[in-house]
PDB file of N, CA and C in Angstrom:
ATOM      1  N   UNK A   1     -73.574  51.619 -45.539  1.00  0.00           N
ATOM      2  CA  UNK A   1     -72.748  50.933 -46.518  1.00  0.00           C
ATOM      3  C   UNK A   1     -71.818  51.931 -47.209  1.00  0.00           C
ATOM      4  N   UNK A   2     -72.380  53.055 -47.630  1.00  0.00           N
ATOM      5  CA  UNK A   2     -71.564  54.045 -48.348  1.00  0.00           C
ATOM      6  C   UNK A   2     -70.423  54.577 -47.497  1.00  0.00           C
ATOM      7  N   UNK A   3     -70.684  54.800 -46.209  1.00  0.00           N
ATOM      8  CA  UNK A   3     -69.626  55.290 -45.320  1.00  0.00           C
ATOM      9  C   UNK A   3     -68.500  54.260 -45.199  1.00  0.00           C
ATOM     10  N   UNK A   4     -68.863  53.002 -45.053  1.00  0.00           N
ATOM     11  CA  UNK A   4     -67.856  51.938 -44.932  1.00  0.00           C
ATOM     12  C   UNK A   4     -67.020  51.844 -46.203  1.00  0.00           C
ATOM     13  N   UNK A   5     -67.658  51.900 -47.338  1.00  0.00           N
ATOM     14  CA  UNK A   5     -66.947  51.812 -48.619  1.00  0.00           C
ATOM     15  C   UNK A   5     -66.043  53.024 -48.818  1.00  0.00           C
ATOM     16  N   UNK A   6     -66.533  54.187 -48.462  1.00  0.00           N
ATOM     17  CA  UNK A   6     -65.736  55.409 -48.625  1.00  0.00           C
ATOM     18  C   UNK A   6     -64.435  55.333 -47.831  1.00  0.00           C
ATOM     19  N   UNK A   7     -64.518  54.846 -46.606  1.00  0.00           N
ATOM     20  CA  UNK A   7     -63.321  54.712 -45.761  1.00  0.00           C
ATOM     21  C   UNK A   7     -62.327  53.745 -46.401  1.00  0.00           C
ATOM     22  N   UNK A   8     -62.826  52.611 -46.884  1.00  0.00           N
ATOM     23  CA  UNK A   8     -61.933  51.613 -47.480  1.00  0.00           C
ATOM     24  C   UNK A   8     -61.349  52.081 -48.805  1.00  0.00           C
ATOM     25  N   UNK A   9     -62.118  52.810 -49.582  1.00  0.00           N
ATOM     26  CA  UNK A   9     -61.615  53.286 -50.868  1.00  0.00           C
ATOM     27  C   UNK A   9     -60.494  54.300 -50.700  1.00  0.00           C
ATOM     28  N   UNK A  10     -60.463  54.996 -49.578  1.00  0.00           N
ATOM     29  CA  UNK A  10     -59.365  55.928 -49.324  1.00  0.00           C
ATOM     30  C   UNK A  10     -58.042  55.174 -49.199  1.00  0.00           C
ATOM     31  N   UNK A  11     -58.091  54.000 -48.623  1.00  0.00           N
ATOM     32  CA  UNK A  11     -56.865  53.217 -48.399  1.00  0.00           C
ATOM     33  C   UNK A  11     -56.574  52.235 -49.533  1.00  0.00           C
ATOM     34  N   UNK A  12     -57.600  51.695 -50.162  1.00  0.00           N
ATOM     35  CA  UNK A  12     -57.456  50.620 -51.135  1.00  0.00           C
ATOM     36  C   UNK A  12     -58.029  51.004 -52.503  1.00  0.00           C
ATOM     37  N   UNK A  13     -57.908  52.246 -52.887  1.00  0.00           N
ATOM     38  CA  UNK A  13     -58.562  52.718 -54.121  1.00  0.00           C
ATOM     39  C   UNK A  13     -58.146  51.911 -55.348  1.00  0.00           C
ATOM     40  N   UNK A  14     -56.882  51.625 -55.504  1.00  0.00           N
ATOM     41  CA  UNK A  14     -56.428  50.863 -56.671  1.00  0.00           C
ATOM     42  C   UNK A  14     -56.978  49.456 -56.692  1.00  0.00           C
ATOM     43  N   UNK A  15     -56.959  48.804 -55.543  1.00  0.00           N
ATOM     44  CA  UNK A  15     -57.421  47.421 -55.446  1.00  0.00           C
ATOM     45  C   UNK A  15     -58.938  47.303 -55.580  1.00  0.00           C
ATOM     46  N   UNK A  16     -59.659  48.367 -55.222  1.00  0.00           N
ATOM     47  CA  UNK A  16     -61.118  48.322 -55.274  1.00  0.00           C
ATOM     48  C   UNK A  16     -61.693  48.956 -56.540  1.00  0.00           C
ATOM     49  N   UNK A  17     -60.816  49.407 -57.426  1.00  0.00           N
ATOM     50  CA  UNK A  17     -61.278  49.994 -58.685  1.00  0.00           C
ATOM     51  C   UNK A  17     -62.064  48.944 -59.472  1.00  0.00           C
ATOM     52  N   UNK A  18     -63.286  49.262 -59.827  1.00  0.00           N
ATOM     53  CA  UNK A  18     -64.114  48.351 -60.602  1.00  0.00           C
ATOM     54  C   UNK A  18     -64.959  47.404 -59.773  1.00  0.00           C
ATOM     55  N   UNK A  19     -64.753  47.377 -58.458  1.00  0.00           N
ATOM     56  CA  UNK A  19     -65.564  46.522 -57.588  1.00  0.00           C
ATOM     57  C   UNK A  19     -66.902  47.213 -57.353  1.00  0.00           C
ATOM     58  N   UNK A  20     -67.982  46.456 -57.489  1.00  0.00           N
ATOM     59  CA  UNK A  20     -69.308  46.994 -57.215  1.00  0.00           C
ATOM     60  C   UNK A  20     -69.699  46.655 -55.784  1.00  0.00           C
ATOM     61  N   UNK A  21     -70.356  47.591 -55.117  1.00  0.00           N
ATOM     62  CA  UNK A  21     -70.863  47.386 -53.766  1.00  0.00           C
ATOM     63  C   UNK A  21     -72.372  47.541 -53.817  1.00  0.00           C
ATOM     64  N   UNK A  22     -73.084  46.633 -53.153  1.00  0.00           N
ATOM     65  CA  UNK A  22     -74.536  46.653 -53.205  1.00  0.00           C
ATOM     66  C   UNK A  22     -75.126  46.228 -51.872  1.00  0.00           C
ATOM     67  N   UNK A  23     -76.376  46.611 -51.680  1.00  0.00           N
ATOM     68  CA  UNK A  23     -77.164  46.174 -50.531  1.00  0.00           C
ATOM     69  C   UNK A  23     -78.384  45.464 -51.092  1.00  0.00           C
ATOM     70  N   UNK A  24     -78.633  44.273 -50.590  1.00  0.00           N
ATOM     71  CA  UNK A  24     -79.834  43.530 -50.943  1.00  0.00           C
ATOM     72  C   UNK A  24     -80.572  43.218 -49.647  1.00  0.00           C
ATOM     73  N   UNK A  25     -81.876  43.059 -49.740  1.00  0.00           N
ATOM     74  CA  UNK A  25     -82.656  42.810 -48.528  1.00  0.00           C
ATOM     75  C   UNK A  25     -82.269  41.513 -47.831  1.00  0.00           C
ATOM     76  N   UNK A  26     -82.236  40.420 -48.574  1.00  0.00           N
ATOM     77  CA  UNK A  26     -81.944  39.106 -47.992  1.00  0.00           C
ATOM     78  C   UNK A  26     -81.026  38.329 -48.925  1.00  0.00           C
ATOM     79  N   UNK A  27     -80.298  37.350 -48.379  1.00  0.00           N
ATOM     80  CA  UNK A  27     -79.446  36.530 -49.242  1.00  0.00           C
ATOM     81  C   UNK A  27     -80.295  35.587 -50.090  1.00  0.00           C
ATOM     82  N   UNK A  28     -79.736  35.097 -51.184  1.00  0.00           N
ATOM     83  CA  UNK A  28     -80.460  34.106 -51.978  1.00  0.00           C
ATOM     84  C   UNK A  28     -80.694  32.845 -51.141  1.00  0.00           C
ATOM     85  N   UNK A  29     -81.660  32.070 -51.544  1.00  0.00           N
ATOM     86  CA  UNK A  29     -82.020  30.885 -50.752  1.00  0.00           C
ATOM     87  C   UNK A  29     -81.035  29.733 -50.901  1.00  0.00           C
ATOM     88  N   UNK A  30     -80.083  29.845 -51.825  1.00  0.00           N
ATOM     89  CA  UNK A  30     -79.075  28.790 -51.986  1.00  0.00           C
ATOM     90  C   UNK A  30     -77.799  29.184 -51.249  1.00  0.00           C
ATOM     91  N   UNK A  31     -77.549  28.590 -50.077  1.00  0.00           N
ATOM     92  CA  UNK A  31     -76.360  28.975 -49.308  1.00  0.00           C
ATOM     93  C   UNK A  31     -75.075  28.541 -50.001  1.00  0.00           C
ATOM     94  N   UNK A  32     -74.032  29.303 -49.748  1.00  0.00           N
ATOM     95  CA  UNK A  32     -72.707  28.926 -50.231  1.00  0.00           C
ATOM     96  C   UNK A  32     -72.232  27.731 -49.406  1.00  0.00           C
ATOM     97  N   UNK A  33     -71.344  26.914 -49.960  1.00  0.00           N
ATOM     98  CA  UNK A  33     -70.889  25.710 -49.247  1.00  0.00           C
ATOM     99  C   UNK A  33     -70.304  25.977 -47.856  1.00  0.00           C
ATOM    100  N   UNK A  34     -69.730  27.137 -47.638  1.00  0.00           N
ATOM    101  CA  UNK A  34     -69.094  27.438 -46.353  1.00  0.00           C
ATOM    102  C   UNK A  34     -70.074  28.052 -45.345  1.00  0.00           C
ATOM    103  N   UNK A  35     -71.330  28.243 -45.713  1.00  0.00           N
ATOM    104  CA  UNK A  35     -72.296  28.913 -44.841  1.00  0.00           C
ATOM    105  C   UNK A  35     -73.098  27.933 -43.988  1.00  0.00           C
ATOM    106  N   UNK A  36     -72.604  26.911 -43.569  1.00  0.00           N
ATOM    107  CA  UNK A  36     -73.149  25.842 -42.724  1.00  0.00           C
ATOM    108  C   UNK A  36     -74.416  26.209 -41.952  1.00  0.00           C
ATOM    109  N   UNK A  37     -75.485  26.542 -42.633  1.00  0.00           N
ATOM    110  CA  UNK A  37     -76.764  26.780 -41.992  1.00  0.00           C
ATOM    111  C   UNK A  37     -76.948  28.154 -41.384  1.00  0.00           C
ATOM    112  N   UNK A  38     -75.924  28.976 -41.385  1.00  0.00           N
ATOM    113  CA  UNK A  38     -76.069  30.323 -40.828  1.00  0.00           C
ATOM    114  C   UNK A  38     -76.518  31.294 -41.918  1.00  0.00           C
ATOM    115  N   UNK A  39     -77.217  32.320 -41.522  1.00  0.00           N
ATOM    116  CA  UNK A  39     -77.662  33.328 -42.473  1.00  0.00           C
ATOM    117  C   UNK A  39     -76.515  34.313 -42.695  1.00  0.00           C
ATOM    118  N   UNK A  40     -76.042  34.450 -43.928  1.00  0.00           N
ATOM    119  CA  UNK A  40     -74.912  35.364 -44.168  1.00  0.00           C
ATOM    120  C   UNK A  40     -75.332  36.826 -44.042  1.00  0.00           C
ATOM    121  N   UNK A  41     -74.408  37.626 -43.576  1.00  0.00           N
ATOM    122  CA  UNK A  41     -74.627  39.075 -43.484  1.00  0.00           C
ATOM    123  C   UNK A  41     -74.143  39.767 -44.751  1.00  0.00           C
ATOM    124  N   UNK A  42     -73.279  39.108 -45.500  1.00  0.00           N
ATOM    125  CA  UNK A  42     -72.754  39.656 -46.739  1.00  0.00           C
ATOM    126  C   UNK A  42     -72.032  38.576 -47.510  1.00  0.00           C
ATOM    127  N   UNK A  43     -71.715  38.889 -48.755  1.00  0.00           N
ATOM    128  CA  UNK A  43     -70.974  37.956 -49.607  1.00  0.00           C
ATOM    129  C   UNK A  43     -70.102  38.725 -50.585  1.00  0.00           C
ATOM    130  N   UNK A  44     -69.030  38.051 -50.963  1.00  0.00           N
ATOM    131  CA  UNK A  44     -68.172  38.538 -52.039  1.00  0.00           C
ATOM    132  C   UNK A  44     -68.397  37.633 -53.235  1.00  0.00           C
ATOM    133  N   UNK A  45     -68.681  38.234 -54.375  1.00  0.00           N
ATOM    134  CA  UNK A  45     -68.839  37.499 -55.624  1.00  0.00           C
ATOM    135  C   UNK A  45     -67.680  37.887 -56.540  1.00  0.00           C
ATOM    136  N   UNK A  46     -66.802  36.948 -56.884  1.00  0.00           N
ATOM    137  CA  UNK A  46     -65.690  37.284 -57.775  1.00  0.00           C
ATOM    138  C   UNK A  46     -66.195  37.650 -59.173  1.00  0.00           C
ATOM    139  N   UNK A  47     -65.339  38.316 -59.918  1.00  0.00           N
ATOM    140  CA  UNK A  47     -65.687  38.656 -61.300  1.00  0.00           C
ATOM    141  C   UNK A  47     -66.001  37.371 -62.054  1.00  0.00           C
ATOM    142  N   UNK A  48     -66.990  37.476 -62.924  1.00  0.00           N
ATOM    143  CA  UNK A  48     -67.385  36.310 -63.709  1.00  0.00           C
ATOM    144  C   UNK A  48     -67.780  36.793 -65.100  1.00  0.00           C
ATOM    145  N   UNK A  49     -66.988  36.397 -66.077  1.00  0.00           N
ATOM    146  CA  UNK A  49     -67.255  36.858 -67.435  1.00  0.00           C
ATOM    147  C   UNK A  49     -67.182  38.370 -67.505  1.00  0.00           C
ATOM    148  N   UNK A  50     -68.252  38.977 -67.935  1.00  0.00           N
ATOM    149  CA  UNK A  50     -68.314  40.444 -68.051  1.00  0.00           C
ATOM    150  C   UNK A  50     -68.711  41.121 -66.736  1.00  0.00           C
ATOM    151  N   UNK A  51     -69.122  40.329 -65.765  1.00  0.00           N
ATOM    152  CA  UNK A  51     -69.556  40.900 -64.494  1.00  0.00           C
ATOM    153  C   UNK A  51     -68.355  41.232 -63.614  1.00  0.00           C
ATOM    154  N   UNK A  52     -68.330  42.448 -63.055  1.00  0.00           N
ATOM    155  CA  UNK A  52     -67.222  42.817 -62.165  1.00  0.00           C
ATOM    156  C   UNK A  52     -67.376  42.133 -60.807  1.00  0.00           C
ATOM    157  N   UNK A  53     -66.332  42.133 -59.994  1.00  0.00           N
ATOM    158  CA  UNK A  53     -66.471  41.609 -58.635  1.00  0.00           C
ATOM    159  C   UNK A  53     -67.476  42.461 -57.855  1.00  0.00           C
ATOM    160  N   UNK A  54     -68.196  41.801 -56.939  1.00  0.00           N
ATOM    161  CA  UNK A  54     -69.221  42.507 -56.157  1.00  0.00           C
ATOM    162  C   UNK A  54     -69.120  42.136 -54.687  1.00  0.00           C
ATOM    163  N   UNK A  55     -69.363  43.123 -53.851  1.00  0.00           N
ATOM    164  CA  UNK A  55     -69.511  42.919 -52.420  1.00  0.00           C
ATOM    165  C   UNK A  55     -70.950  43.302 -52.099  1.00  0.00           C
ATOM    166  N   UNK A  56     -71.668  42.361 -51.486  1.00  0.00           N
ATOM    167  CA  UNK A  56     -73.073  42.586 -51.165  1.00  0.00           C
ATOM    168  C   UNK A  56     -73.275  42.449 -49.663  1.00  0.00           C
ATOM    169  N   UNK A  57     -74.012  43.401 -49.090  1.00  0.00           N
ATOM    170  CA  UNK A  57     -74.422  43.340 -47.689  1.00  0.00           C
ATOM    171  C   UNK A  57     -75.923  43.071 -47.689  1.00  0.00           C
ATOM    172  N   UNK A  58     -76.344  42.138 -46.820  1.00  0.00           N
ATOM    173  CA  UNK A  58     -77.756  41.791 -46.723  1.00  0.00           C
ATOM    174  C   UNK A  58     -78.393  42.550 -45.566  1.00  0.00           C
ATOM    175  N   UNK A  59     -79.248  43.499 -45.906  1.00  0.00           N
ATOM    176  CA  UNK A  59     -79.813  44.463 -44.962  1.00  0.00           C
ATOM    177  C   UNK A  59     -80.590  43.812 -43.821  1.00  0.00           C
ATOM    178  N   UNK A  60     -81.522  42.956 -44.132  1.00  0.00           N
ATOM    179  CA  UNK A  60     -82.384  42.384 -43.085  1.00  0.00           C
ATOM    180  C   UNK A  60     -81.589  41.556 -42.073  1.00  0.00           C
ATOM    181  N   UNK A  61     -80.695  40.663 -42.497  1.00  0.00           N
ATOM    182  CA  UNK A  61     -79.907  39.933 -41.497  1.00  0.00           C
ATOM    183  C   UNK A  61     -79.032  40.850 -40.632  1.00  0.00           C
ATOM    184  N   UNK A  62     -78.481  41.905 -41.224  1.00  0.00           N
ATOM    185  CA  UNK A  62     -77.664  42.848 -40.439  1.00  0.00           C
ATOM    186  C   UNK A  62     -78.542  43.544 -39.414  1.00  0.00           C
ATOM    187  N   UNK A  63     -79.717  44.017 -39.831  1.00  0.00           N
ATOM    188  CA  UNK A  63     -80.609  44.702 -38.895  1.00  0.00           C
ATOM    189  C   UNK A  63     -81.076  43.761 -37.781  1.00  0.00           C
ATOM    190  N   UNK A  64     -81.271  42.497 -38.109  1.00  0.00           N
ATOM    191  CA  UNK A  64     -81.701  41.519 -37.116  1.00  0.00           C
ATOM    192  C   UNK A  64     -80.587  41.216 -36.117  1.00  0.00           C
ATOM    193  N   UNK A  65     -79.366  41.144 -36.595  1.00  0.00           N
ATOM    194  CA  UNK A  65     -78.220  40.806 -35.736  1.00  0.00           C
ATOM    195  C   UNK A  65     -77.836  41.959 -34.806  1.00  0.00           C
ATOM    196  N   UNK A  66     -77.985  43.195 -35.269  1.00  0.00           N
ATOM    197  CA  UNK A  66     -77.627  44.354 -34.441  1.00  0.00           C
ATOM    198  C   UNK A  66     -78.637  44.474 -33.299  1.00  0.00           C
ATOM    199  N   UNK A  67     -78.141  44.656 -32.086  1.00  0.00           N
ATOM    200  CA  UNK A  67     -79.036  44.742 -30.935  1.00  0.00           C
ATOM    201  C   UNK A  67     -79.637  46.136 -30.764  1.00  0.00           C
ATOM    202  N   UNK A  68     -79.003  47.133 -31.333  1.00  0.00           N
ATOM    203  CA  UNK A  68     -79.500  48.509 -31.268  1.00  0.00           C
ATOM    204  C   UNK A  68     -79.382  49.130 -32.656  1.00  0.00           C
ATOM    205  N   UNK A  69     -80.285  50.036 -32.998  1.00  0.00           N
ATOM    206  CA  UNK A  69     -80.216  50.655 -34.328  1.00  0.00           C
ATOM    207  C   UNK A  69     -78.862  51.301 -34.639  1.00  0.00           C
ATOM    208  N   UNK A  70     -78.214  51.871 -33.637  1.00  0.00           N
ATOM    209  CA  UNK A  70     -76.927  52.523 -33.908  1.00  0.00           C
ATOM    210  C   UNK A  70     -75.818  51.520 -34.225  1.00  0.00           C
ATOM    211  N   UNK A  71     -76.025  50.250 -33.864  1.00  0.00           N
ATOM    212  CA  UNK A  71     -75.034  49.224 -34.155  1.00  0.00           C
ATOM    213  C   UNK A  71     -75.073  48.750 -35.603  1.00  0.00           C
ATOM    214  N   UNK A  72     -76.121  49.113 -36.317  1.00  0.00           N
ATOM    215  CA  UNK A  72     -76.241  48.689 -37.718  1.00  0.00           C
ATOM    216  C   UNK A  72     -75.059  49.204 -38.537  1.00  0.00           C
ATOM    217  N   UNK A  73     -74.686  50.461 -38.350  1.00  0.00           N
ATOM    218  CA  UNK A  73     -73.569  51.036 -39.116  1.00  0.00           C
ATOM    219  C   UNK A  73     -72.254  50.326 -38.789  1.00  0.00           C
ATOM    220  N   UNK A  74     -72.013  50.043 -37.520  1.00  0.00           N
ATOM    221  CA  UNK A  74     -70.767  49.371 -37.128  1.00  0.00           C
ATOM    222  C   UNK A  74     -70.718  47.948 -37.672  1.00  0.00           C
ATOM    223  N   UNK A  75     -71.827  47.243 -37.599  1.00  0.00           N
ATOM    224  CA  UNK A  75     -71.877  45.879 -38.113  1.00  0.00           C
ATOM    225  C   UNK A  75     -71.735  45.875 -39.636  1.00  0.00           C
ATOM    226  N   UNK A  76     -72.383  46.821 -40.299  1.00  0.00           N
ATOM    227  CA  UNK A  76     -72.243  46.932 -41.755  1.00  0.00           C
ATOM    228  C   UNK A  76     -70.791  47.167 -42.132  1.00  0.00           C
ATOM    229  N   UNK A  77     -70.113  48.043 -41.406  1.00  0.00           N
ATOM    230  CA  UNK A  77     -68.696  48.303 -41.655  1.00  0.00           C
ATOM    231  C   UNK A  77     -67.898  47.014 -41.544  1.00  0.00           C
ATOM    232  N   UNK A  78     -68.129  46.253 -40.496  1.00  0.00           N
ATOM    233  CA  UNK A  78     -67.383  45.013 -40.298  1.00  0.00           C
ATOM    234  C   UNK A  78     -67.656  44.001 -41.403  1.00  0.00           C
ATOM    235  N   UNK A  79     -68.902  43.904 -41.835  1.00  0.00           N
ATOM    236  CA  UNK A  79     -69.246  42.973 -42.919  1.00  0.00           C
ATOM    237  C   UNK A  79     -68.545  43.388 -44.207  1.00  0.00           C
ATOM    238  N   UNK A  80     -68.551  44.672 -44.513  1.00  0.00           N
ATOM    239  CA  UNK A  80     -67.869  45.157 -45.723  1.00  0.00           C
ATOM    240  C   UNK A  80     -66.379  44.869 -45.625  1.00  0.00           C
ATOM    241  N   UNK A  81     -65.777  45.125 -44.470  1.00  0.00           N
ATOM    242  CA  UNK A  81     -64.349  44.861 -44.280  1.00  0.00           C
ATOM    243  C   UNK A  81     -64.054  43.379 -44.480  1.00  0.00           C
ATOM    244  N   UNK A  82     -64.883  42.501 -43.926  1.00  0.00           N
ATOM    245  CA  UNK A  82     -64.671  41.058 -44.088  1.00  0.00           C
ATOM    246  C   UNK A  82     -64.715  40.644 -45.557  1.00  0.00           C
ATOM    247  N   UNK A  83     -65.669  41.182 -46.289  1.00  0.00           N
ATOM    248  CA  UNK A  83     -65.807  40.803 -47.695  1.00  0.00           C
ATOM    249  C   UNK A  83     -64.674  41.377 -48.549  1.00  0.00           C
ATOM    250  N   UNK A  84     -64.251  42.592 -48.247  1.00  0.00           N
ATOM    251  CA  UNK A  84     -63.113  43.176 -48.959  1.00  0.00           C
ATOM    252  C   UNK A  84     -61.845  42.393 -48.623  1.00  0.00           C
ATOM    253  N   UNK A  85     -61.714  41.961 -47.376  1.00  0.00           N
ATOM    254  CA  UNK A  85     -60.561  41.136 -46.992  1.00  0.00           C
ATOM    255  C   UNK A  85     -60.536  39.852 -47.816  1.00  0.00           C
ATOM    256  N   UNK A  86     -61.685  39.245 -48.001  1.00  0.00           N
ATOM    257  CA  UNK A  86     -61.779  38.035 -48.828  1.00  0.00           C
ATOM    258  C   UNK A  86     -61.352  38.344 -50.262  1.00  0.00           C
ATOM    259  N   UNK A  87     -61.817  39.450 -50.777  1.00  0.00           N
ATOM    260  CA  UNK A  87     -61.460  39.888 -52.136  1.00  0.00           C
ATOM    261  C   UNK A  87     -59.954  40.082 -52.282  1.00  0.00           C
ATOM    262  N   UNK A  88     -59.330  40.700 -51.287  1.00  0.00           N
ATOM    263  CA  UNK A  88     -57.906  41.039 -51.366  1.00  0.00           C
ATOM    264  C   UNK A  88     -56.982  39.932 -50.857  1.00  0.00           C
ATOM    265  N   UNK A  89     -57.551  38.895 -50.260  1.00  0.00           N
ATOM    266  CA  UNK A  89     -56.730  37.823 -49.709  1.00  0.00           C
ATOM    267  C   UNK A  89     -55.965  38.257 -48.464  1.00  0.00           C
ATOM    268  N   UNK A  90     -56.578  39.115 -47.672  1.00  0.00           N
ATOM    269  CA  UNK A  90     -55.964  39.635 -46.449  1.00  0.00           C
ATOM    270  C   UNK A  90     -56.871  39.339 -45.261  1.00  0.00           C
ATOM    271  N   UNK A  91     -56.376  39.595 -44.065  1.00  0.00           N
ATOM    272  CA  UNK A  91     -57.229  39.490 -42.882  1.00  0.00           C
ATOM    273  C   UNK A  91     -58.034  40.781 -42.753  1.00  0.00           C
ATOM    274  N   UNK A  92     -59.188  40.727 -42.113  1.00  0.00           N
ATOM    275  CA  UNK A  92     -59.959  41.961 -41.916  1.00  0.00           C
ATOM    276  C   UNK A  92     -59.161  43.041 -41.188  1.00  0.00           C
ATOM    277  N   UNK A  93     -58.313  42.637 -40.236  1.00  0.00           N
ATOM    278  CA  UNK A  93     -57.507  43.616 -39.498  1.00  0.00           C
ATOM    279  C   UNK A  93     -56.491  44.316 -40.398  1.00  0.00           C
ATOM    280  N   UNK A  94     -56.017  43.631 -41.435  1.00  0.00           N
ATOM    281  CA  UNK A  94     -55.102  44.260 -42.383  1.00  0.00           C
ATOM    282  C   UNK A  94     -55.842  45.250 -43.278  1.00  0.00           C
ATOM    283  N   UNK A  95     -57.067  44.936 -43.597  1.00  0.00           N
ATOM    284  CA  UNK A  95     -57.861  45.818 -44.463  1.00  0.00           C
ATOM    285  C   UNK A  95     -58.226  47.094 -43.720  1.00  0.00           C
ATOM    286  N   UNK A  96     -58.626  46.967 -42.463  1.00  0.00           N
ATOM    287  CA  UNK A  96     -58.981  48.133 -41.651  1.00  0.00           C
ATOM    288  C   UNK A  96     -58.681  47.815 -40.191  1.00  0.00           C
ATOM    289  N   UNK A  97     -57.711  48.483 -39.604  1.00  0.00           N
ATOM    290  CA  UNK A  97     -57.348  48.209 -38.207  1.00  0.00           C
ATOM    291  C   UNK A  97     -58.493  48.459 -37.224  1.00  0.00           C
ATOM    292  N   UNK A  98     -59.524  49.155 -37.651  1.00  0.00           N
ATOM    293  CA  UNK A  98     -60.667  49.414 -36.761  1.00  0.00           C
ATOM    294  C   UNK A  98     -61.656  48.256 -36.737  1.00  0.00           C
ATOM    295  N   UNK A  99     -61.379  47.227 -37.507  1.00  0.00           N
ATOM    296  CA  UNK A  99     -62.263  46.060 -37.537  1.00  0.00           C
ATOM    297  C   UNK A  99     -62.426  45.527 -36.130  1.00  0.00           C
ATOM    298  N   UNK A 100     -63.658  45.245 -35.705  1.00  0.00           N
ATOM    299  CA  UNK A 100     -63.901  44.890 -34.305  1.00  0.00           C
ATOM    300  C   UNK A 100     -64.727  43.639 -34.117  1.00  0.00           C
ATOM    301  N   UNK A 101     -65.173  43.014 -35.163  1.00  0.00           N
ATOM    302  CA  UNK A 101     -66.125  41.908 -35.031  1.00  0.00           C
ATOM    303  C   UNK A 101     -65.506  40.757 -34.260  1.00  0.00           C
ATOM    304  N   UNK A 102     -66.186  40.291 -33.248  1.00  0.00           N
ATOM    305  CA  UNK A 102     -65.629  39.245 -32.407  1.00  0.00           C
ATOM    306  C   UNK A 102     -66.526  38.029 -32.278  1.00  0.00           C
ATOM    307  N   UNK A 103     -67.528  37.863 -33.168  1.00  0.00           N
ATOM    308  CA  UNK A 103     -68.363  36.670 -33.090  1.00  0.00           C
ATOM    309  C   UNK A 103     -68.068  35.690 -34.172  1.00  0.00           C
TER     310      UNK A 103
END
């Protein structure tokens, strides 16, 4: 997670100022309306009141989805890019041209 965030902060430092990044084991049991029965790998939570915007990656679903341990880092990167893209209102490819997720 830290490596993915570090890469993005080099390019988007101003836009990501104040955004919190976190890893949680599993997503909450209440799915978001757009998560049609699938287990999310991450979520973006917009700022709310005093709480800053947050990008969260869910460790267990990412580890389960990756077919090999070395793929965990690549999948984590893609999840972070997707959530930052949502935050910025851009496509994942605009946020990071190395984005590769194809599922």
